[in-house]
C-alpha atoms as a PDB file:
ATOM      1  CA  MET A   1     -14.672 -17.368  -6.764  1.00  0.00           C
ATOM      2  CA  PHE A   2     -11.754 -17.288  -9.242  1.00  0.00           C
ATOM      3  CA  LYS A   3     -13.977 -15.768 -11.938  1.00  0.00           C
ATOM      4  CA  THR A   4     -15.190 -13.085  -9.530  1.00  0.00           C
ATOM      5  CA  ARG A   5     -11.606 -12.356  -8.460  1.00  0.00           C
ATOM      6  CA  LEU A   6     -10.476 -12.126 -12.074  1.00  0.00           C
ATOM      7  CA  ILE A   7     -13.262  -9.757 -13.128  1.00  0.00           C
ATOM      8  CA  SER A   8     -12.703  -7.564 -10.060  1.00  0.00           C
ATOM      9  CA  GLY A   9      -8.958  -7.547 -10.741  1.00  0.00           C
ATOM     10  CA  ILE A  10      -9.463  -6.426 -14.339  1.00  0.00           C
ATOM     11  CA  ILE A  11     -11.817  -3.649 -13.219  1.00  0.00           C
ATOM     12  CA  LEU A  12      -9.306  -2.546 -10.560  1.00  0.00           C
ATOM     13  CA  VAL A  13      -6.506  -2.334 -13.127  1.00  0.00           C
ATOM     14  CA  ALA A  14      -8.753  -0.337 -15.471  1.00  0.00           C
ATOM     15  CA  ILE A  15      -9.677   2.108 -12.696  1.00  0.00           C
ATOM     16  CA  ALA A  16      -6.013   2.409 -11.646  1.00  0.00           C
ATOM     17  CA  LEU A  17      -5.066   3.117 -15.273  1.00  0.00           C
ATOM     18  CA  VAL A  18      -7.605   5.938 -15.570  1.00  0.00           C
ATOM     19  CA  LEU A  19      -6.705   7.512 -12.227  1.00  0.00           C
ATOM     20  CA  ILE A  20      -2.942   7.337 -12.747  1.00  0.00           C
ATOM     21  CA  LEU A  21      -3.104   8.700 -16.278  1.00  0.00           C
ATOM     22  CA  ALA A  22      -5.285  11.540 -15.013  1.00  0.00           C
ATOM     23  CA  GLY A  23      -2.864  12.238 -12.143  1.00  0.00           C
ATOM     24  CA  GLY A  24      -3.023  15.580 -10.367  1.00  0.00           C
ATOM     25  CA  GLY A  25      -6.108  16.361  -8.335  1.00  0.00           C
ATOM     26  CA  VAL A  26      -8.037  13.307  -9.572  1.00  0.00           C
ATOM     27  CA  LEU A  27      -5.438  10.831  -8.302  1.00  0.00           C
ATOM     28  CA  PHE A  28      -4.884  12.937  -5.181  1.00  0.00           C
ATOM     29  CA  GLY A  29      -8.565  12.815  -4.256  1.00  0.00           C
ATOM     30  CA  ALA A  30      -8.861   9.118  -5.068  1.00  0.00           C
ATOM     31  CA  THR A  31      -5.811   8.275  -2.935  1.00  0.00           C
ATOM     32  CA  LEU A  32      -7.178  10.228   0.026  1.00  0.00           C
ATOM     33  CA  ILE A  33     -10.547   8.474  -0.266  1.00  0.00           C
ATOM     34  CA  LEU A  34      -8.869   5.057  -0.483  1.00  0.00           C
ATOM     35  CA  SER A  35      -6.836   5.996   2.599  1.00  0.00           C
ATOM     36  CA  TRP A  36      -9.969   6.921   4.543  1.00  0.00           C
ATOM     37  CA  ILE A  37     -11.660   3.649   3.569  1.00  0.00           C
ATOM     38  CA  GLY A  38      -8.575   1.642   4.524  1.00  0.00           C
ATOM     39  CA  MET A  39      -8.357   3.455   7.856  1.00  0.00           C
ATOM     40  CA  PHE A  40     -12.040   2.787   8.461  1.00  0.00           C
ATOM     41  CA  GLU A  41     -11.473  -0.935   7.833  1.00  0.00           C
ATOM     42  CA  LEU A  42      -8.565  -1.022  10.248  1.00  0.00           C
ATOM     43  CA  TYR A  43     -10.260   1.113  12.887  1.00  0.00           C
ATOM     44  CA  ARG A  44     -13.341  -1.129  12.745  1.00  0.00           C
ATOM     45  CA  ILE A  45     -11.242  -3.985  14.176  1.00  0.00           C
ATOM     46  CA  PHE A  46     -10.602  -1.874  17.275  1.00  0.00           C
ATOM     47  CA  GLY A  47     -14.106  -0.424  17.510  1.00  0.00           C
ATOM     48  CA  ILE A  48     -13.088   3.192  16.858  1.00  0.00           C
ATOM     49  CA  GLU A  49     -14.216   3.646  13.254  1.00  0.00           C
ATOM     50  CA  ARG A  50     -16.963   6.101  14.265  1.00  0.00           C
ATOM     51  CA  ARG A  51     -15.574   7.264  17.607  1.00  0.00           C
ATOM     52  CA  MET A  52     -13.344  10.166  18.571  1.00  0.00           C
ATOM     53  CA  PRO A  53      -9.922   8.448  18.119  1.00  0.00           C
ATOM     54  CA  GLY A  54     -10.944   7.315  14.634  1.00  0.00           C
ATOM     55  CA  ILE A  55     -12.361  10.717  13.714  1.00  0.00           C
ATOM     56  CA  LEU A  56      -9.083  12.345  14.774  1.00  0.00           C
ATOM     57  CA  GLY A  57      -7.275   9.833  12.563  1.00  0.00           C
ATOM     58  CA  TYR A  58      -9.382  10.776   9.525  1.00  0.00           C
ATOM     59  CA  LEU A  59      -8.775  14.479  10.200  1.00  0.00           C
ATOM     60  CA  ALA A  60      -5.037  13.894  10.629  1.00  0.00           C
ATOM     61  CA  ALA A  61      -4.993  12.083   7.274  1.00  0.00           C
ATOM     62  CA  ALA A  62      -6.791  15.010   5.616  1.00  0.00           C
ATOM     63  CA  PHE A  63      -4.326  17.444   7.212  1.00  0.00           C
ATOM     64  CA  TYR A  64      -1.386  15.320   6.065  1.00  0.00           C
ATOM     65  CA  TYR A  65      -2.669  15.216   2.467  1.00  0.00           C
ATOM     66  CA  GLY A  66      -3.429  18.922   2.559  1.00  0.00           C
ATOM     67  CA  ASN A  67       0.154  19.577   3.583  1.00  0.00           C
ATOM     68  CA  LEU A  68       1.419  17.485   0.656  1.00  0.00           C
ATOM     69  CA  LEU A  69      -0.570  19.700  -1.679  1.00  0.00           C
ATOM     70  CA  PHE A  70      -0.057  23.135  -0.126  1.00  0.00           C
ATOM     71  CA  ASP A  71       3.113  22.633   1.951  1.00  0.00           C
ATOM     72  CA  PHE A  72       1.965  24.806   4.863  1.00  0.00           C
ATOM     73  CA  LEU A  73       4.098  22.767   7.295  1.00  0.00           C
ATOM     74  CA  SER A  74       7.765  22.539   6.411  1.00  0.00           C
ATOM     75  CA  GLU A  75       8.378  20.062   9.253  1.00  0.00           C
ATOM     76  CA  GLN A  76       6.143  16.970   9.137  1.00  0.00           C
ATOM     77  CA  MET A  77       7.128  16.028  12.688  1.00  0.00           C
ATOM     78  CA  ILE A  78       4.818  18.817  13.887  1.00  0.00           C
ATOM     79  CA  LEU A  79       1.895  16.824  12.479  1.00  0.00           C
ATOM     80  CA  VAL A  80       3.113  13.601  14.080  1.00  0.00           C
ATOM     81  CA  LEU A  81       3.523  15.175  17.510  1.00  0.00           C
ATOM     82  CA  GLY A  82       0.336  17.204  17.238  1.00  0.00           C
ATOM     83  CA  PHE A  83      -1.717  14.142  16.337  1.00  0.00           C
ATOM     84  CA  LEU A  84      -0.187  12.132  19.162  1.00  0.00           C
ATOM     85  CA  MET A  85      -0.869  14.899  21.694  1.00  0.00           C
ATOM     86  CA  LEU A  86      -4.498  15.215  20.592  1.00  0.00           C
ATOM     87  CA  LEU A  87      -4.996  11.483  21.002  1.00  0.00           C
ATOM     88  CA  MET A  88      -3.428  11.574  24.457  1.00  0.00           C
ATOM     89  CA  PHE A  89      -5.642  14.523  25.382  1.00  0.00           C
ATOM     90  CA  VAL A  90      -8.734  12.482  24.439  1.00  0.00           C
ATOM     91  CA  TYR A  91      -7.357   9.409  26.213  1.00  0.00           C
ATOM     92  CA  VAL A  92      -6.702  11.237  29.471  1.00  0.00           C
ATOM     93  CA  PHE A  93      -9.802  13.447  29.697  1.00  0.00           C
ATOM     94  CA  THR A  94     -12.272  10.711  28.714  1.00  0.00           C
ATOM     95  CA  TYR A  95     -10.599   7.982  30.786  1.00  0.00           C
ATOM     96  CA  PRO A  96     -11.545   5.112  31.017  1.00  0.00           C
ATOM     97  CA  LYS A  97     -13.712   5.403  27.894  1.00  0.00           C
ATOM     98  CA  TYR A  98     -10.980   4.196  25.498  1.00  0.00           C
ATOM     99  CA  LYS A  99      -8.441   1.423  25.852  1.00  0.00           C
ATOM    100  CA  THR A 100      -4.734   1.948  25.290  1.00  0.00           C
ATOM    101  CA  GLU A 101      -4.702  -0.272  22.202  1.00  0.00           C
ATOM    102  CA  GLN A 102      -7.492   1.796  20.647  1.00  0.00           C
ATOM    103  CA  MET A 103      -5.431   4.972  20.925  1.00  0.00           C
ATOM    104  CA  MET A 104      -2.363   3.198  19.567  1.00  0.00           C
ATOM    105  CA  ALA A 105      -4.438   1.824  16.674  1.00  0.00           C
ATOM    106  CA  ALA A 106      -5.689   5.327  15.823  1.00  0.00           C
ATOM    107  CA  PHE A 107      -2.118   6.632  15.671  1.00  0.00           C
ATOM    108  CA  PHE A 108      -0.745   3.606  13.820  1.00  0.00           C
ATOM    109  CA  GLY A 109      -3.565   3.498  11.270  1.00  0.00           C
ATOM    110  CA  MET A 110      -3.044   7.038  10.054  1.00  0.00           C
ATOM    111  CA  PHE A 111       0.598   6.408   9.113  1.00  0.00           C
ATOM    112  CA  TYR A 112       0.291   2.745   8.151  1.00  0.00           C
ATOM    113  CA  VAL A 113      -2.523   3.444   5.699  1.00  0.00           C
ATOM    114  CA  ALA A 114      -2.807   7.124   4.777  1.00  0.00           C
ATOM    115  CA  ALA A 115       0.812   8.289   4.892  1.00  0.00           C
ATOM    116  CA  MET A 116       2.264   5.225   3.178  1.00  0.00           C
ATOM    117  CA  LEU A 117      -0.450   5.053   0.517  1.00  0.00           C
ATOM    118  CA  SER A 118       0.108   8.741  -0.300  1.00  0.00           C
ATOM    119  CA  TYR A 119       3.363   7.751  -1.999  1.00  0.00           C
ATOM    120  CA  VAL A 120       1.356   6.472  -4.952  1.00  0.00           C
ATOM    121  CA  TRP A 121       0.393  10.089  -5.665  1.00  0.00           C
ATOM    122  CA  GLN A 122       3.843  11.394  -4.733  1.00  0.00           C
ATOM    123  CA  THR A 123       5.509   8.959  -7.146  1.00  0.00           C
ATOM    124  CA  ARG A 124       3.089   9.996  -9.895  1.00  0.00           C
ATOM    125  CA  MET A 125       4.095  13.632  -9.355  1.00  0.00           C
ATOM    126  CA  LEU A 126       7.792  12.960 -10.067  1.00  0.00           C
ATOM    127  CA  SER A 127       9.154  14.215 -13.396  1.00  0.00           C
ATOM    128  CA  ALA A 128       8.766  10.778 -15.019  1.00  0.00           C
ATOM    129  CA  GLY A 129       6.064   9.747 -12.574  1.00  0.00           C
ATOM    130  CA  VAL A 130       3.498   8.775 -15.193  1.00  0.00           C
ATOM    131  CA  TYR A 131       5.821   5.858 -16.025  1.00  0.00           C
ATOM    132  CA  LEU A 132       7.554   5.238 -12.694  1.00  0.00           C
ATOM    133  CA  VAL A 133       4.334   4.940 -10.679  1.00  0.00           C
ATOM    134  CA  TRP A 134       3.575   1.643 -12.417  1.00  0.00           C
ATOM    135  CA  LEU A 135       6.605   0.099 -10.724  1.00  0.00           C
ATOM    136  CA  ILE A 136       4.574   0.161  -7.508  1.00  0.00           C
ATOM    137  CA  PHE A 137       1.978  -2.133  -9.033  1.00  0.00           C
ATOM    138  CA  LEU A 138       4.456  -4.260 -10.978  1.00  0.00           C
ATOM    139  CA  CYS A 139       6.328  -5.135  -7.785  1.00  0.00           C
ATOM    140  CA  SER A 140       3.208  -5.624  -5.637  1.00  0.00           C
ATOM    141  CA  TRP A 141       0.399  -7.061  -7.742  1.00  0.00           C
ATOM    142  CA  GLY A 142       2.914  -8.484 -10.243  1.00  0.00           C
ATOM    143  CA  CYS A 143       4.873 -10.176  -7.483  1.00  0.00           C
ATOM    144  CA  ASP A 144       1.674 -11.499  -5.915  1.00  0.00           C
ATOM    145  CA  THR A 145       0.514 -13.067  -9.201  1.00  0.00           C
ATOM    146  CA  CYS A 146       3.894 -14.568 -10.078  1.00  0.00           C
ATOM    147  CA  ALA A 147       4.405 -15.889  -6.547  1.00  0.00           C
ATOM    148  CA  TYR A 148       0.984 -17.545  -6.642  1.00  0.00           C
ATOM    149  CA  CYS A 149       1.634 -19.223 -10.015  1.00  0.00           C
ATOM    150  CA  VAL A 150       5.124 -20.470  -9.115  1.00  0.00           C
ATOM    151  CA  GLY A 151       4.106 -21.548  -5.622  1.00  0.00           C
ATOM    152  CA  LYS A 152       1.119 -23.449  -7.009  1.00  0.00           C
ATOM    153  CA  GLN A 153       3.356 -25.393  -9.386  1.00  0.00           C
ATOM    154  CA  ILE A 154       6.559 -26.085  -7.471  1.00  0.00           C
ATOM    155  CA  GLY A 155       6.136 -24.645  -3.964  1.00  0.00           C
ATOM    156  CA  LYS A 156       7.341 -27.102  -1.312  1.00  0.00           C
ATOM    157  CA  HIS A 157       9.105 -25.165   1.440  1.00  0.00           C
ATOM    158  CA  LYS A 158       6.788 -23.077   3.644  1.00  0.00           C
ATOM    159  CA  MET A 159       7.917 -19.475   4.077  1.00  0.00           C
ATOM    160  CA  THR A 160       5.796 -18.634   7.130  1.00  0.00           C
ATOM    161  CA  PRO A 161       4.080 -21.905   8.107  1.00  0.00           C
ATOM    162  CA  ILE A 162       2.109 -20.461  11.025  1.00  0.00           C
ATOM    163  CA  LEU A 163       1.156 -17.047   9.657  1.00  0.00           C
ATOM    164  CA  SER A 164       0.488 -17.984   6.019  1.00  0.00           C
ATOM    165  CA  PRO A 165       0.924 -21.726   5.383  1.00  0.00           C
ATOM    166  CA  LYS A 166       0.099 -21.482   1.663  1.00  0.00           C
ATOM    167  CA  LYS A 167       3.048 -19.203   0.886  1.00  0.00           C
ATOM    168  CA  SER A 168       6.265 -20.954  -0.144  1.00  0.00           C
ATOM    169  CA  VAL A 169       9.917 -19.984  -0.490  1.00  0.00           C
ATOM    170  CA  GLU A 170       9.776 -21.038  -4.142  1.00  0.00           C
ATOM    171  CA  GLY A 171       6.761 -18.797  -4.684  1.00  0.00           C
ATOM    172  CA  ALA A 172       8.558 -15.877  -3.028  1.00  0.00           C
ATOM    173  CA  VAL A 173      11.583 -16.308  -5.310  1.00  0.00           C
ATOM    174  CA  GLY A 174       9.272 -16.588  -8.325  1.00  0.00           C
ATOM    175  CA  GLY A 175       7.469 -13.421  -7.247  1.00  0.00           C
ATOM    176  CA  VAL A 176      10.678 -11.388  -6.970  1.00  0.00           C
ATOM    177  CA  LEU A 177      12.075 -12.669 -10.280  1.00  0.00           C
ATOM    178  CA  GLY A 178       8.697 -12.255 -11.956  1.00  0.00           C
ATOM    179  CA  ALA A 179       8.362  -8.639 -10.801  1.00  0.00           C
ATOM    180  CA  ALA A 180      11.876  -7.881 -12.069  1.00  0.00           C
ATOM    181  CA  LEU A 181      11.141  -9.555 -15.414  1.00  0.00           C
ATOM    182  CA  LEU A 182       7.852  -7.719 -15.849  1.00  0.00           C
ATOM    183  CA  THR A 183       9.664  -4.445 -15.161  1.00  0.00           C
ATOM    184  CA  LEU A 184      12.366  -5.286 -17.723  1.00  0.00           C
ATOM    185  CA  ILE A 185       9.672  -5.885 -20.344  1.00  0.00           C
ATOM    186  CA  TYR A 186       7.883  -2.702 -19.286  1.00  0.00           C
ATOM    187  CA  GLY A 187      11.107  -0.662 -19.437  1.00  0.00           C
ATOM    188  CA  ILE A 188      12.131  -2.011 -22.844  1.00  0.00           C
ATOM    189  CA  ALA A 189       8.650  -1.401 -24.275  1.00  0.00           C
ATOM    190  CA  LEU A 190       8.643   2.229 -23.101  1.00  0.00           C
ATOM    191  CA  ARG A 191      12.361   2.896 -23.432  1.00  0.00           C
ATOM    192  CA  GLU A 192      11.979   5.601 -26.075  1.00  0.00           C
ATOM    193  CA  ASN A 193       9.068   7.316 -24.327  1.00  0.00           C
ATOM    194  CA  MET A 194      11.019   7.480 -21.064  1.00  0.00           C
ATOM    195  CA  GLY A 195      14.380   8.251 -22.683  1.00  0.00           C
ATOM    196  CA  LEU A 196      16.063   5.432 -20.763  1.00  0.00           C
ATOM    197  CA  ALA A 197      19.456   3.821 -21.187  1.00  0.00           C
ATOM    198  CA  LEU A 198      19.783   0.065 -20.713  1.00  0.00           C
ATOM    199  CA  THR A 199      21.413   0.674 -17.332  1.00  0.00           C
ATOM    200  CA  ASP A 200      18.329   2.646 -16.246  1.00  0.00           C
ATOM    201  CA  ILE A 201      16.063  -0.244 -17.228  1.00  0.00           C
ATOM    202  CA  GLY A 202      18.269  -2.595 -15.221  1.00  0.00           C
ATOM    203  CA  MET A 203      18.025  -0.229 -12.262  1.00  0.00           C
ATOM    204  CA  MET A 204      14.237  -0.183 -12.573  1.00  0.00           C
ATOM    205  CA  ALA A 205      14.196  -3.985 -12.518  1.00  0.00           C
ATOM    206  CA  GLY A 206      16.364  -3.891  -9.389  1.00  0.00           C
ATOM    207  CA  ILE A 207      13.954  -1.434  -7.751  1.00  0.00           C
ATOM    208  CA  SER A 208      11.057  -3.757  -8.547  1.00  0.00           C
ATOM    209  CA  ALA A 209      12.930  -6.734  -7.095  1.00  0.00           C
ATOM    210  CA  VAL A 210      13.498  -4.861  -3.826  1.00  0.00           C
ATOM    211  CA  GLY A 211       9.913  -3.628  -3.880  1.00  0.00           C
ATOM    212  CA  ALA A 212       8.666  -7.186  -4.424  1.00  0.00           C
ATOM    213  CA  LEU A 213      10.516  -8.370  -1.321  1.00  0.00           C
ATOM    214  CA  ILE A 214       9.009  -5.529   0.698  1.00  0.00           C
ATOM    215  CA  SER A 215       5.557  -6.203  -0.760  1.00  0.00           C
ATOM    216  CA  MET A 216       5.566  -9.659   0.840  1.00  0.00           C
ATOM    217  CA  VAL A 217       6.159  -8.046   4.229  1.00  0.00           C
ATOM    218  CA  GLY A 218       3.195  -5.761   3.559  1.00  0.00           C
ATOM    219  CA  ASP A 219       1.004  -8.702   2.622  1.00  0.00           C
ATOM    220  CA  LEU A 220       2.051 -10.687   5.698  1.00  0.00           C
ATOM    221  CA  THR A 221       1.629  -7.659   7.979  1.00  0.00           C
ATOM    222  CA  ALA A 222      -2.006  -7.324   6.956  1.00  0.00           C
ATOM    223  CA  SER A 223      -2.458 -11.087   7.396  1.00  0.00           C
ATOM    224  CA  ALA A 224      -0.883 -10.998  10.871  1.00  0.00           C
ATOM    225  CA  ILE A 225      -3.289  -8.283  12.031  1.00  0.00           C
ATOM    226  CA  LYS A 226      -6.261 -10.269  10.712  1.00  0.00           C
ATOM    227  CA  ARG A 227      -5.086 -13.451  12.412  1.00  0.00           C
ATOM    228  CA  ASN A 228      -4.517 -11.667  15.702  1.00  0.00           C
ATOM    229  CA  TYR A 229      -8.112 -10.445  15.705  1.00  0.00           C
ATOM    230  CA  GLY A 230      -9.748 -13.492  14.117  1.00  0.00           C
ATOM    231  CA  ILE A 231     -11.094 -11.919  10.910  1.00  0.00           C
ATOM    232  CA  LYS A 232     -11.014 -13.277   7.373  1.00  0.00           C
ATOM    233  CA  ASP A 233     -11.177 -10.033   5.375  1.00  0.00           C
ATOM    234  CA  TYR A 234     -11.001  -6.338   6.199  1.00  0.00           C
ATOM    235  CA  GLY A 235     -14.141  -5.634   4.190  1.00  0.00           C
ATOM    236  CA  ARG A 236     -16.370  -6.599   1.267  1.00  0.00           C
ATOM    237  CA  LEU A 237     -15.915  -3.592  -0.979  1.00  0.00           C
ATOM    238  CA  ILE A 238     -14.076  -5.504  -3.737  1.00  0.00           C
ATOM    239  CA  PRO A 239     -15.842  -8.764  -4.725  1.00  0.00           C
ATOM    240  CA  GLY A 240     -13.507 -11.751  -4.503  1.00  0.00           C
ATOM    241  CA  HIS A 241     -10.765  -9.706  -2.844  1.00  0.00           C
ATOM    242  CA  GLY A 242     -12.245  -8.243   0.326  1.00  0.00           C
ATOM    243  CA  GLY A 243     -11.615  -4.685   1.443  1.00  0.00           C
ATOM    244  CA  ILE A 244      -9.164  -1.976   0.452  1.00  0.00           C
ATOM    245  CA  LEU A 245      -6.547  -3.287   2.880  1.00  0.00           C
ATOM    246  CA  ASP A 246      -6.934  -6.810   1.507  1.00  0.00           C
ATOM    247  CA  ARG A 247      -6.097  -5.623  -2.002  1.00  0.00           C
ATOM    248  CA  PHE A 248      -3.690  -2.767  -1.253  1.00  0.00           C
ATOM    249  CA  ASP A 249      -1.778  -4.363   1.641  1.00  0.00           C
ATOM    250  CA  SER A 250       1.359  -4.844  -0.470  1.00  0.00           C
ATOM    251  CA  VAL A 251       0.949  -1.535  -2.336  1.00  0.00           C
ATOM    252  CA  ILE A 252       1.012   0.301   1.016  1.00  0.00           C
ATOM    253  CA  PHE A 253       4.531  -1.000   1.658  1.00  0.00           C
ATOM    254  CA  THR A 254       5.940  -0.791  -1.879  1.00  0.00           C
ATOM    255  CA  ALA A 255       4.792   2.767  -2.653  1.00  0.00           C
ATOM    256  CA  PRO A 256       7.250   4.586  -0.330  1.00  0.00           C
ATOM    257  CA  ILE A 257      10.071   2.171  -1.228  1.00  0.00           C
ATOM    258  CA  VAL A 258       9.628   2.739  -4.968  1.00  0.00           C
ATOM    259  CA  TYR A 259       9.338   6.499  -4.456  1.00  0.00           C
ATOM    260  CA  TYR A 260      12.596   6.885  -2.544  1.00  0.00           C
ATOM    261  CA  LEU A 261      14.558   4.418  -4.671  1.00  0.00           C
ATOM    262  CA  ALA A 262      13.364   6.188  -7.822  1.00  0.00           C
ATOM    263  CA  VAL A 263      14.274   9.603  -6.425  1.00  0.00           C
ATOM    264  CA  TYR A 264      17.809   8.568  -5.412  1.00  0.00           C
ATOM    265  CA  LEU A 265      18.698   5.999  -8.074  1.00  0.00           C
ATOM    266  CA  LEU A 266      17.057   7.156 -11.320  1.00  0.00           C
END
């Protein structure tokens, strides 16, 4: 299992490298497709992956991404309200075909997966985005790896004993510090390319530390949903890892955090 996980992880990093370096339309399309797959995985739990509420969710995600690219709606709240009203229209005029939680899942899934994941592309499109976008992965996947290694060695105090009994406080601290350290190394290595001062590198490390904390919430959120509905993995797309939501659960949460912190602090 570890070997499979390792090989899949290496392939994932290689694919991420190609897509992020390409940027633009390539990364945009890939992010939208990943969002659709993640939504499908989530919607499958509620039995709406191929039904009207789910289909409306996929269309809302496409509309949201289209607006990011072409900016035909200056006020995003119009999309939020429009999507909600469409779902309520379906709910009311097909009653009792769909349950309340199915409609709520359709609404939640679009923003939880598609909107939040879109910040990977939005971060890449910043002026220094080709460098800054990697902070998302340093403070999610980097934190996850460091937390696992530290927790395995010295973890004693359970962080969430009921939800995720294998995660420890020591591992969490190691994950945050590890993500910050990895970012320091990354910033120093690319200091000249990015034109950074030492204070900027320190700020990047701080952003990664905050992102690492948030990434744990993302990881635990995905775990909580799985536990509530008695499933082990969201899918089988990635050998050794599960589905898109199993691998990108922390990225979903860190992407918007890194984007806004980078915009306002760097």
